Amino acid sequence: MKKYNLIILAMEEKGPLYDEYGCTNKALLPIHGKPMLDWVVEAFRKSEYIDNIIVIGSDELDQLSSMRYVRKRIMSGLNVVQNLIHGITYVKTSIYQNADNHNGYLISFCDAVFLNTEVINETIKNISNSNSDLVFHYVEKETFKKHGLTAQRTYIPIGKKNYTGTAIYYIKKFSLVSNFLEDLSQMRQNRKDPKGILKVLGCADSQSFFEIESVLSKKISAKVKIFESLHPEIGMDVAKPSDVELAKKLLSNPWKHNYKKAKIIYNPQAGQGLQLSPVFKNLLGIKYRKFEVHESKEEYIKKIKEYLSNYNISVEATPTKEAGHATVLAKECVAEGFDLVIAAGGDGTVNEIINGLVGSDVTLGVIPLGTANVFGIEIKLPIEIKAACQVIASGETRVIDLGRANGRYFVCMAGVGFDAHILKKADSKLKKMYGALAYGIVGITQLFTYKFHQIVIKIDDQPIRRKGYFVVIGNGKYYGGDMMFASKADLTDGYLDVCIFKYRNLFSVFNYLFGFHKGNIDKHLDIEYFQCKKVEIFKKGNHPVHVDAEYLCETPVSIEVCPASLKVAV
C-alpha cells in the first residue's frame, strides 16, 4: 500500500470561536484538556499509510506534544492558498529534491478532531485505488441523521441530495495546484455559499458527482474523482461553539493512565552551568525549551506536579543528593509499590533510575531537564514541560531493551576510547561551571594529546577479532543531541548496534565528527557497523568506557543486550 505526505493547515484566524473563547489560534483550543491539533496529528500518525506530516502554522504550535510526530512546521502565510503552496513546495523540494518519486499530498485541517485512524485508512484506500490526480470526499446530509448527529454544516445541492465537504483532500502533483489557484481562491471566498462554489467550478447545473468529475477533469486536464463517504466524522469540524460542545460529547477522555502511586526523582544540578545559545544548540542537535523556562529545578518540579495533578496523577518528589542516589531511590520505589517513577533531569539521572527499575513492572516517565536529553530524543519526547507531562498522562507505554556493561545498565549508548576519556576529564566541577560547553573545551584540548591505542573487539561468537581506535555501542540511534550514529537501531529489536572507527589520524577524526553531525556516520567506508547481541572489548590499551555519557571503568568490558527490560511512558 502506498504512503502519503500529509499537510495540516493550522493557521491563526479570528472566527466564531474567538468571541466565545478568546482564541485566535483554534489549533490550541483544548478538548478535554487536549489541544485540537494534537487530536488530529495523533489520529493520522497511527495510520500505516502516512509517511511525513507537515504542519502550517505559527511557532506557538511548537509547544504541543503532537509536534514530535511532525517532520516540519512551516510559518503560515497570508491565506489558505498560499499556505497550501508553502507546504507542497517544502515536500517537493526539501524531502524529494524535486523528484516525482512520491505519491502526492493529503490535505487536512487542525479542527478535524472527529477523525479516527479507521476512517483515515478507508479514505486513503479510496484515494489509492482511484489512481486519480485530484480526489474529494463528500458526506450526504442524511448520513449525519442516520448516526444521530445534528451537525450544522454548509451543504451543496447535487441532484436531489445535499452534501457537505470533508476534512481530507488529495492532490497528486504540484502543477495541479498552480493550475487550480484562481479557483481555489474563489472557492475559499464562497465557502459559505454552496451555489457559488459550484459556479466557480463551472458545475452549477451538474446533477451528479460523475458530471462534476467530467467537468473538472476537462477543466484542469487531470483525472478528478469524487467519493461519497459513509463516515460522518470526515465531514465534521470545529468551527463554532456548538461544535466544541459536540466534540466534548463525542470524544473520550484522552488521559487514560491507571497510575495510583507516583514519584518524581529529580537532579537539582541537571542542566546547570553556562547555557549555550540557541544557535549553538541547533548546531549540536540539542533541543531546548522556548515556552516555559524557570530559574530553578524546584520551580520546574512545582509546575510538573501542577500539570500532572490536572491529569489526576498525584505525585511526590525527591531530589538526589549524590551520584548513585537516584538508583537507590528507584529501588525503594519498586519495593514500596510505586507504579510510576518520573526521571526529571538529564541522561545521567535517567541512567541511574533505570538501574533501579530494570526488570520491574514500574513505568518510567521522563521530563527532560538536562542538556542533551538523548533518551528523550530517542523516544520522541517533547522538550516542553506540559507536553511531556501529557505524554505520561496518556497512559501509552512501550517495553524497551537495555544494554548492560559489566553489570551496569544503559538505555542509549556505551562508548570506548576518546569520548569516554573526555567524559572522565570533564569532572563535575567543570560541568557545573560550563555546562555542555565543558565537553567541547576538554575535547579540543585533549584531541591533540590523546593517545589513540588500538581497541580489540569480539562481536558475538565471530572468530575474527575486529580492531579500531574508537567504538560506540548503541541501544538507540542517537549520540549526543539528535546526531544519529546507528540508523538501523531500534529500542525494541533485541540487538545492539556497534560502530567501530578504524582510523586515528586527524583527518579521519574530523571526518567522523562531520559524519556524526550529518547523521550518516554509519555509512562511512572506514566505519564497521554490526548488529549483535554481545560485544567483548579486551583489556589491551586499558581504554576508558562510558555508559549514557557517564564514565564507568577501563577495559576489559563485556557488553550485552537485555531484551524487554524496561517499561517506558511514550
Protein backbone atom coordinates (compact mmCIF):
# COMPACT_ATOMS: atom_id res chain seq x y z
CA MET A 1 0.00 0.00 0.00
CA LYS A 2 1.26 3.48 -0.86
CA LYS A 3 2.33 6.01 1.75
CA TYR A 4 1.40 9.67 1.57
CA ASN A 5 2.64 13.05 2.76
CA LEU A 6 0.15 14.93 4.91
CA ILE A 7 -0.15 18.72 5.13
CA ILE A 8 -2.25 20.04 8.03
CA LEU A 9 -3.40 23.65 7.78
CA ALA A 10 -3.37 25.24 11.26
CA MET A 11 -3.36 28.99 10.66
CA GLU A 12 -4.50 31.65 13.11
CA GLU A 13 -7.84 33.29 12.43
CA LYS A 14 -10.48 35.25 14.33
CA GLY A 15 -13.64 33.25 13.76
CA PRO A 16 -16.75 32.41 15.81
CA LEU A 17 -14.59 30.62 18.40
CA TYR A 18 -12.73 33.83 19.21
CA ASP A 19 -15.84 35.57 20.54
CA GLU A 20 -16.62 32.64 22.85
CA TYR A 21 -13.15 31.51 23.94
CA GLY A 22 -10.84 34.43 23.07
CA CYS A 23 -8.82 32.02 20.95
CA THR A 24 -7.15 33.32 17.77
CA ASN A 25 -5.42 30.01 17.11
CA LYS A 26 -8.01 27.28 17.32
CA ALA A 27 -5.35 24.61 16.85
CA LEU A 28 -4.54 25.29 20.53
CA LEU A 29 -8.16 25.17 21.74
CA PRO A 30 -8.42 22.20 24.13
CA ILE A 31 -11.00 19.42 24.01
CA HIS A 32 -10.86 17.56 27.35
CA GLY A 33 -7.60 19.41 28.03
CA LYS A 34 -6.01 18.24 24.77
CA PRO A 35 -5.39 20.85 22.02
CA MET A 36 -7.26 20.24 18.78
CA LEU A 37 -4.13 19.87 16.67
CA ASP A 38 -2.95 17.07 19.00
CA TRP A 39 -6.16 15.13 18.30
CA VAL A 40 -5.67 15.47 14.54
CA VAL A 41 -1.95 14.69 14.36
CA GLU A 42 -2.25 11.64 16.60
CA ALA A 43 -5.14 10.21 14.56
CA PHE A 44 -3.09 10.48 11.36
CA ARG A 45 0.25 9.32 12.81
CA LYS A 46 -1.32 6.00 13.80
CA SER A 47 -2.18 5.31 10.16
CA GLU A 48 0.24 2.98 8.39
CA TYR A 49 -0.33 4.97 5.18
CA ILE A 50 1.13 8.27 6.41
CA ASP A 51 4.79 8.97 5.66
CA ASN A 52 5.57 12.60 6.58
CA ILE A 53 3.41 15.12 8.45
CA ILE A 54 3.84 18.83 7.71
CA VAL A 55 2.00 21.50 9.74
CA ILE A 56 1.40 25.05 8.53
CA GLY A 57 1.03 27.42 11.47
CA SER A 58 2.69 29.76 13.96
CA ASP A 59 5.54 28.90 16.33
CA GLU A 60 3.02 28.66 19.20
CA LEU A 61 2.31 25.15 17.93
CA ASP A 62 5.82 24.00 18.87
CA GLN A 63 4.71 23.66 22.49
CA LEU A 64 2.28 20.82 21.67
CA SER A 65 3.10 17.18 22.38
CA SER A 66 1.97 16.05 18.91
CA MET A 67 4.67 18.12 17.21
CA ARG A 68 7.13 15.30 17.96
CA TYR A 69 5.46 13.41 15.10
CA VAL A 70 5.66 16.38 12.71
CA ARG A 71 8.56 16.46 10.29
CA LYS A 72 8.34 20.20 9.70
CA ARG A 73 6.29 23.15 10.89
CA ILE A 74 6.12 25.97 8.36
CA MET A 75 5.10 29.52 9.28
CA SER A 76 1.69 30.37 7.86
CA GLY A 77 1.28 32.94 5.10
CA LEU A 78 -1.48 35.33 4.09
CA ASN A 79 -4.19 32.86 3.12
CA VAL A 80 -5.09 29.20 2.69
CA VAL A 81 -3.91 29.01 -0.91
CA GLN A 82 -0.51 30.48 -0.08
CA ASN A 83 -0.13 28.11 2.87
CA LEU A 84 -1.01 25.15 0.68
CA ILE A 85 1.68 26.18 -1.80
CA HIS A 86 4.23 26.56 1.02
CA GLY A 87 3.50 23.06 2.31
CA ILE A 88 3.58 21.36 -1.07
CA THR A 89 6.74 23.24 -2.06
CA TYR A 90 8.52 22.06 1.09
CA VAL A 91 7.62 18.42 0.48
CA LYS A 92 8.56 18.62 -3.19
CA THR A 93 11.90 20.41 -2.74
CA SER A 94 13.20 19.57 0.74
CA ILE A 95 12.07 15.95 1.10
CA TYR A 96 12.14 14.74 -2.51
CA GLN A 97 14.55 17.25 -4.11
CA ASN A 98 12.02 17.98 -6.90
CA ALA A 99 11.79 14.31 -7.89
CA ASP A 100 8.39 12.76 -8.63
CA ASN A 101 9.01 9.51 -6.74
CA HIS A 102 6.29 10.09 -4.16
CA ASN A 103 2.53 9.57 -4.04
CA GLY A 104 1.27 13.11 -3.71
CA TYR A 105 -0.21 15.22 -0.94
CA LEU A 106 -3.05 14.74 1.53
CA ILE A 107 -4.54 17.96 2.89
CA SER A 108 -6.35 18.21 6.23
CA PHE A 109 -7.14 20.76 8.94
CA CYS A 110 -6.34 21.38 12.60
CA ASP A 111 -10.02 21.26 13.63
CA ALA A 112 -10.78 17.81 12.16
CA VAL A 113 -10.85 16.35 15.68
CA PHE A 114 -13.59 13.82 14.90
CA LEU A 115 -11.32 11.85 12.56
CA ASN A 116 -10.08 8.48 13.71
CA THR A 117 -7.49 6.15 12.21
CA GLU A 118 -10.08 3.72 10.83
CA VAL A 119 -11.82 6.47 8.84
CA ILE A 120 -8.48 7.87 7.70
CA ASN A 121 -7.31 4.48 6.44
CA GLU A 122 -10.51 3.82 4.50
CA THR A 123 -10.34 7.27 2.93
CA ILE A 124 -6.72 6.76 1.88
CA LYS A 125 -7.59 3.37 0.38
CA ASN A 126 -10.22 5.09 -1.77
CA ILE A 127 -7.59 7.57 -2.93
CA SER A 128 -5.02 4.88 -3.68
CA ASN A 129 -7.44 2.65 -5.58
CA SER A 130 -8.83 5.54 -7.65
CA ASN A 131 -5.47 6.25 -9.32
CA SER A 132 -6.64 9.85 -9.71
CA ASP A 133 -4.89 13.22 -9.70
CA LEU A 134 -7.39 15.08 -7.53
CA VAL A 135 -9.72 13.39 -5.02
CA PHE A 136 -12.57 14.80 -2.93
CA HIS A 137 -14.86 13.09 -0.42
CA TYR A 138 -18.34 14.34 0.42
CA VAL A 139 -20.88 13.28 3.05
CA GLU A 140 -24.60 13.28 2.32
CA LYS A 141 -26.85 15.12 4.79
CA GLU A 142 -28.88 12.02 5.64
CA THR A 143 -25.70 10.22 6.77
CA PHE A 144 -25.47 12.55 9.77
CA LYS A 145 -29.09 11.85 10.70
CA LYS A 146 -28.55 8.08 10.47
CA HIS A 147 -25.79 8.41 13.07
CA GLY A 148 -27.90 10.61 15.33
CA LEU A 149 -25.82 13.72 14.63
CA THR A 150 -27.21 17.20 14.16
CA ALA A 151 -24.03 18.77 12.81
CA GLN A 152 -24.70 22.21 11.31
CA ARG A 153 -22.78 22.21 8.04
CA THR A 154 -22.80 24.06 4.74
CA TYR A 155 -24.41 21.75 2.16
CA ILE A 156 -24.05 21.73 -1.62
CA PRO A 157 -27.13 20.62 -3.59
CA ILE A 158 -26.27 17.98 -6.18
CA GLY A 159 -29.22 16.39 -7.90
CA LYS A 160 -31.85 15.68 -5.27
CA LYS A 161 -29.40 15.36 -2.38
CA ASN A 162 -27.32 17.71 -0.26
CA TYR A 163 -23.64 17.13 0.50
CA THR A 164 -21.00 18.71 2.68
CA GLY A 165 -17.26 18.80 2.11
CA THR A 166 -14.82 16.84 4.23
CA ALA A 167 -11.52 17.16 6.08
CA ILE A 168 -9.30 15.14 3.72
CA TYR A 169 -8.34 16.13 0.18
CA TYR A 170 -5.78 14.66 -2.17
CA ILE A 171 -3.57 16.34 -4.78
CA LYS A 172 -1.14 14.24 -6.78
CA LYS A 173 1.09 16.88 -8.36
CA PHE A 174 2.24 20.40 -7.57
CA SER A 175 1.28 21.51 -11.10
CA LEU A 176 -2.38 20.82 -10.32
CA VAL A 177 -2.28 23.38 -7.53
CA SER A 178 -0.77 26.06 -9.76
CA ASN A 179 -3.36 25.34 -12.47
CA PHE A 180 -6.17 25.49 -9.92
CA LEU A 181 -5.03 28.54 -7.90
CA GLU A 182 -7.65 31.03 -9.02
CA ASP A 183 -10.47 28.54 -8.50
CA LEU A 184 -9.19 27.59 -5.04
CA SER A 185 -9.09 31.24 -4.02
CA GLN A 186 -12.64 31.87 -5.22
CA MET A 187 -13.88 28.66 -3.57
CA ARG A 188 -12.43 29.91 -0.30
CA GLN A 189 -14.25 33.23 -0.71
CA ASN A 190 -17.52 31.40 -1.44
CA ARG A 191 -17.13 28.69 1.22
CA LYS A 192 -20.46 29.65 2.86
CA ASP A 193 -22.26 29.88 -0.49
CA PRO A 194 -22.90 26.36 -1.89
CA LYS A 195 -24.21 27.56 -5.24
CA GLY A 196 -21.30 29.98 -5.52
CA ILE A 197 -18.84 27.11 -5.10
CA LEU A 198 -20.48 25.10 -7.89
CA LYS A 199 -20.49 28.18 -10.11
CA VAL A 200 -16.75 28.72 -9.54
CA LEU A 201 -16.14 25.12 -10.56
CA GLY A 202 -18.29 25.51 -13.65
CA CYS A 203 -20.66 22.85 -12.32
CA ALA A 204 -23.73 24.92 -11.44
CA ASP A 205 -26.03 22.68 -13.49
CA SER A 206 -24.42 19.34 -12.62
CA GLN A 207 -26.80 16.69 -11.27
CA SER A 208 -24.29 14.06 -10.13
CA PHE A 209 -20.73 13.53 -8.95
CA PHE A 210 -19.97 11.93 -12.30
CA GLU A 211 -20.92 15.13 -14.13
CA ILE A 212 -18.78 17.23 -11.77
CA GLU A 213 -15.85 14.84 -12.24
CA SER A 214 -16.14 15.16 -16.02
CA VAL A 215 -16.31 18.97 -15.97
CA LEU A 216 -13.38 19.35 -13.56
CA SER A 217 -11.23 16.73 -15.30
CA LYS A 218 -11.61 18.59 -18.57
CA LYS A 219 -11.06 21.98 -16.95
CA ILE A 220 -7.72 21.15 -15.28
CA SER A 221 -6.59 18.40 -17.68
CA ALA A 222 -6.36 15.80 -14.92
CA LYS A 223 -8.33 12.87 -13.56
CA VAL A 224 -10.73 14.01 -10.81
CA LYS A 225 -12.58 11.58 -8.54
CA ILE A 226 -15.33 12.32 -6.00
CA PHE A 227 -16.37 9.76 -3.38
CA GLU A 228 -19.40 9.75 -1.14
CA SER A 229 -18.20 8.79 2.33
CA LEU A 230 -20.46 6.93 4.73
CA HIS A 231 -18.44 8.19 7.70
CA PRO A 232 -19.89 11.41 9.17
CA GLU A 233 -16.65 12.01 11.11
CA ILE A 234 -14.84 13.06 7.94
CA GLY A 235 -17.45 15.75 7.27
CA MET A 236 -17.26 17.35 10.72
CA ASP A 237 -15.01 20.09 12.06
CA VAL A 238 -14.95 22.60 14.92
CA ALA A 239 -15.94 25.99 13.56
CA LYS A 240 -18.28 27.35 16.24
CA PRO A 241 -19.04 26.91 19.97
CA SER A 242 -21.72 24.27 19.35
CA ASP A 243 -19.08 22.16 17.56
CA VAL A 244 -16.84 22.39 20.64
CA GLU A 245 -19.66 21.08 22.81
CA LEU A 246 -20.33 18.26 20.34
CA ALA A 247 -16.64 17.33 20.38
CA LYS A 248 -16.65 17.18 24.18
CA LYS A 249 -19.66 14.87 23.99
CA LEU A 250 -18.32 12.52 21.31
CA LEU A 251 -14.60 12.36 22.13
CA SER A 252 -13.48 10.30 25.11
CA ASN A 253 -11.10 11.47 27.83
CA PRO A 254 -7.57 11.14 26.36
CA TRP A 255 -5.83 10.77 29.74
CA LYS A 256 -6.11 7.00 30.08
CA HIS A 257 -3.41 6.21 32.63
CA ASN A 258 -4.02 4.00 35.66
CA TYR A 259 -1.23 5.28 37.88
CA LYS A 260 -2.04 5.07 41.58
CA LYS A 261 1.31 5.83 43.20
CA ALA A 262 3.89 8.05 41.53
CA LYS A 263 7.20 9.68 42.41
CA ILE A 264 9.42 12.25 40.74
CA ILE A 265 13.15 11.74 41.23
CA TYR A 266 14.99 14.86 40.16
CA ASN A 267 18.56 16.03 39.96
CA PRO A 268 18.87 19.64 41.25
CA GLN A 269 22.11 20.03 39.26
CA ALA A 270 20.87 18.76 35.88
CA GLY A 271 21.28 21.24 33.01
CA GLN A 272 23.16 23.73 35.19
CA GLY A 273 26.24 25.70 34.20
CA LEU A 274 26.88 28.07 31.32
CA GLN A 275 23.99 27.85 28.87
CA LEU A 276 24.65 27.57 25.15
CA SER A 277 22.93 29.97 22.78
CA PRO A 278 20.09 28.62 20.61
CA VAL A 279 22.43 28.83 17.59
CA PHE A 280 24.98 26.50 19.20
CA LYS A 281 22.25 24.19 20.49
CA ASN A 282 20.84 23.86 16.98
CA LEU A 283 24.34 23.21 15.65
CA LEU A 284 24.86 20.41 18.19
CA GLY A 285 21.37 18.97 17.71
CA ILE A 286 20.31 19.87 21.26
CA LYS A 287 16.60 20.54 21.81
CA TYR A 288 15.69 23.45 24.06
CA ARG A 289 12.57 24.87 25.68
CA LYS A 290 11.04 28.00 24.16
CA PHE A 291 7.84 28.48 26.14
CA GLU A 292 8.43 27.59 29.76
CA VAL A 293 11.82 28.35 31.29
CA HIS A 294 12.29 28.59 35.07
CA GLU A 295 15.22 29.69 37.19
CA SER A 296 15.43 26.66 39.47
CA LYS A 297 14.67 22.94 39.43
CA GLU A 298 12.26 23.48 42.32
CA GLU A 299 10.14 25.77 40.12
CA TYR A 300 10.12 23.13 37.39
CA ILE A 301 9.07 20.45 39.87
CA LYS A 302 6.25 22.66 41.15
CA LYS A 303 4.90 23.10 37.60
CA ILE A 304 5.29 19.40 36.81
CA LYS A 305 3.28 18.45 39.90
CA GLU A 306 0.64 21.01 38.95
CA TYR A 307 0.30 19.70 35.39
CA LEU A 308 0.19 16.06 36.48
CA SER A 309 -2.44 16.91 39.09
CA ASN A 310 -4.63 18.28 36.27
CA TYR A 311 -4.48 14.80 34.72
CA ASN A 312 -5.31 13.09 38.05
CA ILE A 313 -1.76 11.97 38.81
CA SER A 314 -0.85 12.70 42.42
CA VAL A 315 2.91 12.68 42.76
CA GLU A 316 5.60 13.24 45.38
CA ALA A 317 9.08 14.50 44.54
CA THR A 318 12.51 13.65 45.96
CA PRO A 319 15.81 15.32 44.95
CA THR A 320 19.01 13.35 44.54
CA LYS A 321 21.87 14.18 46.89
CA GLU A 322 24.87 12.47 45.31
CA ALA A 323 25.97 10.19 42.49
CA GLY A 324 24.10 6.87 42.64
CA HIS A 325 21.33 8.22 44.88
CA ALA A 326 18.71 8.04 42.10
CA THR A 327 19.32 4.29 41.77
CA VAL A 328 18.74 3.83 45.50
CA LEU A 329 15.54 5.89 45.36
CA ALA A 330 14.26 3.95 42.32
CA LYS A 331 14.85 0.61 44.06
CA GLU A 332 12.93 1.91 47.08
CA CYS A 333 10.04 2.86 44.78
CA VAL A 334 9.91 -0.69 43.40
CA ALA A 335 9.91 -2.13 46.93
CA GLU A 336 7.22 0.30 48.13
CA GLY A 337 4.76 -0.45 45.32
CA PHE A 338 5.04 2.66 43.15
CA ASP A 339 3.73 2.10 39.63
CA LEU A 340 5.24 5.26 38.07
CA VAL A 341 8.67 6.80 38.60
CA ILE A 342 9.43 10.03 36.74
CA ALA A 343 13.01 10.99 35.97
CA ALA A 344 13.23 14.80 35.95
CA GLY A 345 16.76 15.52 34.81
CA GLY A 346 19.23 14.62 32.11
CA ASP A 347 20.52 11.35 30.69
CA GLY A 348 22.64 10.73 33.80
CA THR A 349 19.55 10.85 36.01
CA VAL A 350 17.69 8.55 33.62
CA ASN A 351 20.60 6.09 33.66
CA GLU A 352 20.68 5.91 37.44
CA ILE A 353 16.93 5.39 37.67
CA ILE A 354 16.78 2.61 35.06
CA ASN A 355 19.39 0.74 37.10
CA GLY A 356 16.90 0.78 39.95
CA LEU A 357 13.80 -0.10 37.89
CA VAL A 358 15.18 -2.73 35.49
CA GLY A 359 13.16 -5.95 35.47
CA SER A 360 10.24 -4.47 37.44
CA ASP A 361 6.70 -3.58 36.33
CA VAL A 362 7.17 0.08 37.27
CA THR A 363 6.73 2.54 34.39
CA LEU A 364 9.47 5.08 33.76
CA GLY A 365 8.29 8.57 32.81
CA VAL A 366 10.77 11.22 31.70
CA ILE A 367 10.67 15.01 31.96
CA PRO A 368 13.79 16.21 30.08
CA LEU A 369 15.59 18.78 32.24
CA GLY A 370 19.17 18.03 31.24
CA THR A 371 21.33 19.44 28.47
CA ALA A 372 21.38 16.89 25.64
CA ASN A 373 18.42 14.69 26.71
CA VAL A 374 19.38 11.97 24.23
CA PHE A 375 16.89 9.43 25.57
CA GLY A 376 14.10 11.98 25.21
CA ILE A 377 15.04 12.43 21.55
CA GLU A 378 15.19 8.65 21.13
CA ILE A 379 11.56 8.19 22.21
CA LYS A 380 10.38 11.45 20.56
CA LEU A 381 9.65 13.06 23.91
CA PRO A 382 8.56 16.74 23.84
CA ILE A 383 11.03 19.14 25.44
CA GLU A 384 8.25 21.42 26.74
CA ILE A 385 7.21 20.58 30.30
CA LYS A 386 3.43 20.48 29.90
CA ALA A 387 3.65 18.40 26.72
CA ALA A 388 6.00 15.90 28.40
CA CYS A 389 3.52 15.58 31.28
CA GLN A 390 0.74 14.88 28.77
CA VAL A 391 2.78 12.02 27.31
CA ILE A 392 2.89 10.41 30.75
CA ALA A 393 -0.81 11.09 31.39
CA SER A 394 -1.86 9.46 28.10
CA GLY A 395 -1.06 6.08 29.63
CA GLU A 396 0.67 4.83 26.48
CA THR A 397 3.74 2.71 27.25
CA ARG A 398 6.36 0.66 25.45
CA VAL A 399 8.66 -2.08 26.75
CA ILE A 400 12.22 -1.47 25.57
CA ASP A 401 15.59 -3.20 25.60
CA LEU A 402 18.53 -2.11 27.70
CA GLY A 403 22.25 -2.61 27.29
CA ARG A 404 24.44 -3.88 30.12
CA ALA A 405 28.16 -3.21 30.51
CA ASN A 406 29.93 -5.12 33.29
CA GLY A 407 26.65 -5.22 35.21
CA ARG A 408 25.76 -1.55 34.63
CA TYR A 409 22.63 -0.96 32.53
CA PHE A 410 22.35 1.74 29.89
CA VAL A 411 19.48 2.92 27.71
CA CYS A 412 21.13 4.95 24.93
CA MET A 413 24.73 4.02 24.25
CA ALA A 414 28.13 2.98 25.57
CA GLY A 415 31.43 4.29 24.27
CA VAL A 416 35.01 3.04 24.43
CA GLY A 417 38.00 5.29 23.83
CA PHE A 418 38.22 9.02 23.19
CA ASP A 419 34.66 10.07 24.14
CA ALA A 420 34.86 8.19 27.45
CA HIS A 421 38.22 9.87 28.07
CA ILE A 422 36.61 13.30 27.59
CA LEU A 423 33.76 12.42 29.96
CA LYS A 424 36.26 11.34 32.59
CA LYS A 425 38.30 14.52 32.22
CA ALA A 426 35.27 16.84 32.28
CA ASP A 427 34.69 16.46 36.01
CA SER A 428 31.61 17.64 37.89
CA LYS A 429 33.22 20.96 38.86
CA LEU A 430 33.96 21.82 35.23
CA LYS A 431 30.47 20.75 34.11
CA LYS A 432 28.89 22.86 36.85
CA MET A 433 30.79 25.92 35.61
CA TYR A 434 30.47 25.48 31.85
CA GLY A 435 27.59 23.03 31.33
CA ALA A 436 27.69 21.19 27.98
CA LEU A 437 30.49 23.51 26.85
CA ALA A 438 32.81 21.66 29.25
CA TYR A 439 32.87 18.67 26.88
CA GLY A 440 33.86 20.89 23.97
CA ILE A 441 36.63 22.57 25.96
CA VAL A 442 38.06 19.25 27.13
CA GLY A 443 37.59 17.64 23.72
CA ILE A 444 39.57 20.32 21.88
CA THR A 445 42.41 20.33 24.41
CA GLN A 446 42.64 16.53 24.51
CA LEU A 447 42.32 15.88 20.78
CA PHE A 448 45.95 16.73 20.12
CA THR A 449 47.38 14.88 23.14
CA TYR A 450 45.19 11.78 23.50
CA LYS A 451 46.96 8.53 22.60
CA PHE A 452 44.67 6.57 20.30
CA HIS A 453 45.64 2.99 21.10
CA GLN A 454 44.11 0.12 19.19
CA ILE A 455 40.91 -1.40 20.60
CA VAL A 456 40.31 -5.13 20.09
CA ILE A 457 36.68 -6.23 19.85
CA LYS A 458 34.85 -9.55 19.67
CA ILE A 459 31.36 -9.45 18.10
CA ASP A 460 29.08 -12.26 19.35
CA ASP A 461 30.82 -15.56 18.55
CA GLN A 462 32.61 -14.36 15.44
CA PRO A 463 36.11 -15.91 15.28
CA ILE A 464 37.66 -12.79 13.71
CA ARG A 465 38.65 -10.04 16.14
CA ARG A 466 37.74 -6.55 14.98
CA LYS A 467 40.07 -3.62 15.56
CA GLY A 468 39.63 0.13 15.71
CA TYR A 469 40.51 3.25 17.70
CA PHE A 470 37.09 4.33 18.93
CA VAL A 471 33.92 2.27 19.48
CA VAL A 472 30.28 3.23 20.10
CA ILE A 473 27.74 0.57 21.09
CA GLY A 474 24.15 1.74 20.79
CA ASN A 475 20.84 0.55 22.13
CA GLY A 476 19.30 3.51 20.28
CA LYS A 477 20.10 5.61 17.22
CA TYR A 478 21.38 8.85 18.70
CA TYR A 479 24.66 10.11 20.09
CA GLY A 480 24.65 13.49 21.86
CA GLY A 481 21.60 15.52 20.84
CA ASP A 482 19.89 14.41 17.65
CA MET A 483 23.11 13.29 15.91
CA MET A 484 22.37 9.82 14.55
CA PHE A 485 25.14 7.22 14.53
CA ALA A 486 23.20 3.95 14.11
CA SER A 487 20.46 4.23 11.50
CA LYS A 488 19.22 0.65 11.98
CA ALA A 489 19.00 0.80 15.77
CA ASP A 490 15.67 0.12 17.46
CA LEU A 491 15.00 0.11 21.20
CA THR A 492 12.82 -2.99 20.83
CA ASP A 493 14.69 -5.18 18.30
CA GLY A 494 16.78 -7.22 20.76
CA TYR A 495 20.10 -6.09 19.26
CA LEU A 496 22.97 -3.73 19.96
CA ASP A 497 24.35 -1.59 17.13
CA VAL A 498 28.14 -1.29 17.03
CA CYS A 499 30.20 1.31 15.15
CA ILE A 500 33.96 0.68 15.01
CA PHE A 501 36.07 3.64 13.90
CA LYS A 502 39.09 2.16 12.16
CA TYR A 503 41.49 5.11 11.85
CA ARG A 504 43.03 7.66 14.21
CA ASN A 505 44.62 10.41 12.09
CA LEU A 506 43.29 13.95 12.46
CA PHE A 507 41.67 13.93 9.03
CA SER A 508 39.68 10.81 9.95
CA VAL A 509 38.72 12.22 13.36
CA PHE A 510 37.33 15.42 11.82
CA ASN A 511 35.62 13.34 9.13
CA TYR A 512 33.97 11.28 11.88
CA LEU A 513 32.81 14.43 13.68
CA PHE A 514 31.30 15.71 10.44
CA GLY A 515 29.59 12.36 9.89
CA PHE A 516 28.06 12.49 13.39
CA HIS A 517 26.72 15.94 12.67
CA LYS A 518 25.26 14.86 9.31
CA GLY A 519 23.73 11.71 10.82
CA ASN A 520 25.33 9.33 8.30
CA ILE A 521 28.42 8.20 10.19
CA ASP A 522 27.44 4.51 9.99
CA LYS A 523 27.61 4.69 6.19
CA HIS A 524 31.25 5.83 6.03
CA LEU A 525 33.59 3.38 4.31
CA ASP A 526 36.11 3.50 7.17
CA ILE A 527 33.46 2.54 9.74
CA GLU A 528 32.49 -1.05 10.50
CA TYR A 529 28.84 -1.39 11.53
CA PHE A 530 27.41 -4.51 13.18
CA GLN A 531 24.19 -5.57 14.85
CA CYS A 532 24.77 -8.13 17.56
CA LYS A 533 23.75 -9.50 20.96
CA LYS A 534 27.08 -9.22 22.75
CA VAL A 535 30.37 -7.33 22.48
CA GLU A 536 33.63 -8.10 24.25
CA ILE A 537 36.27 -5.35 24.49
CA PHE A 538 39.63 -6.79 25.54
CA LYS A 539 41.99 -5.31 28.13
CA LYS A 540 44.68 -4.26 25.64
CA GLY A 541 45.19 -0.50 25.95
CA ASN A 542 43.18 -0.05 29.19
CA HIS A 543 40.65 2.08 27.34
CA PRO A 544 38.12 4.23 29.23
CA VAL A 545 34.46 3.18 28.98
CA HIS A 546 31.26 5.18 29.49
CA VAL A 547 27.55 4.34 29.54
CA ASP A 548 24.95 7.02 28.74
CA ALA A 549 27.70 9.68 28.96
CA GLU A 550 28.70 8.60 32.49
CA TYR A 551 32.25 7.28 32.99
CA LEU A 552 32.18 3.60 34.02
CA CYS A 553 35.56 1.86 34.01
CA GLU A 554 38.55 0.82 31.91
CA THR A 555 38.64 -2.18 29.62
CA PRO A 556 38.13 -5.11 29.64
CA VAL A 557 34.37 -4.79 29.41
CA SER A 558 31.59 -7.16 28.38
CA ILE A 559 28.51 -5.51 26.86
CA GLU A 560 25.26 -7.32 26.07
CA VAL A 561 21.66 -6.55 25.20
CA CYS A 562 18.90 -7.22 27.72
CA PRO A 563 15.67 -7.51 25.72
CA ALA A 564 12.33 -6.16 27.02
CA SER A 565 13.74 -4.95 30.34
CA LEU A 566 12.02 -1.61 31.00
CA LYS A 567 8.52 -0.14 30.60
CA VAL A 568 8.55 3.49 29.45
CA ALA A 569 5.81 6.10 29.06
CA VAL A 570 5.75 7.18 25.41
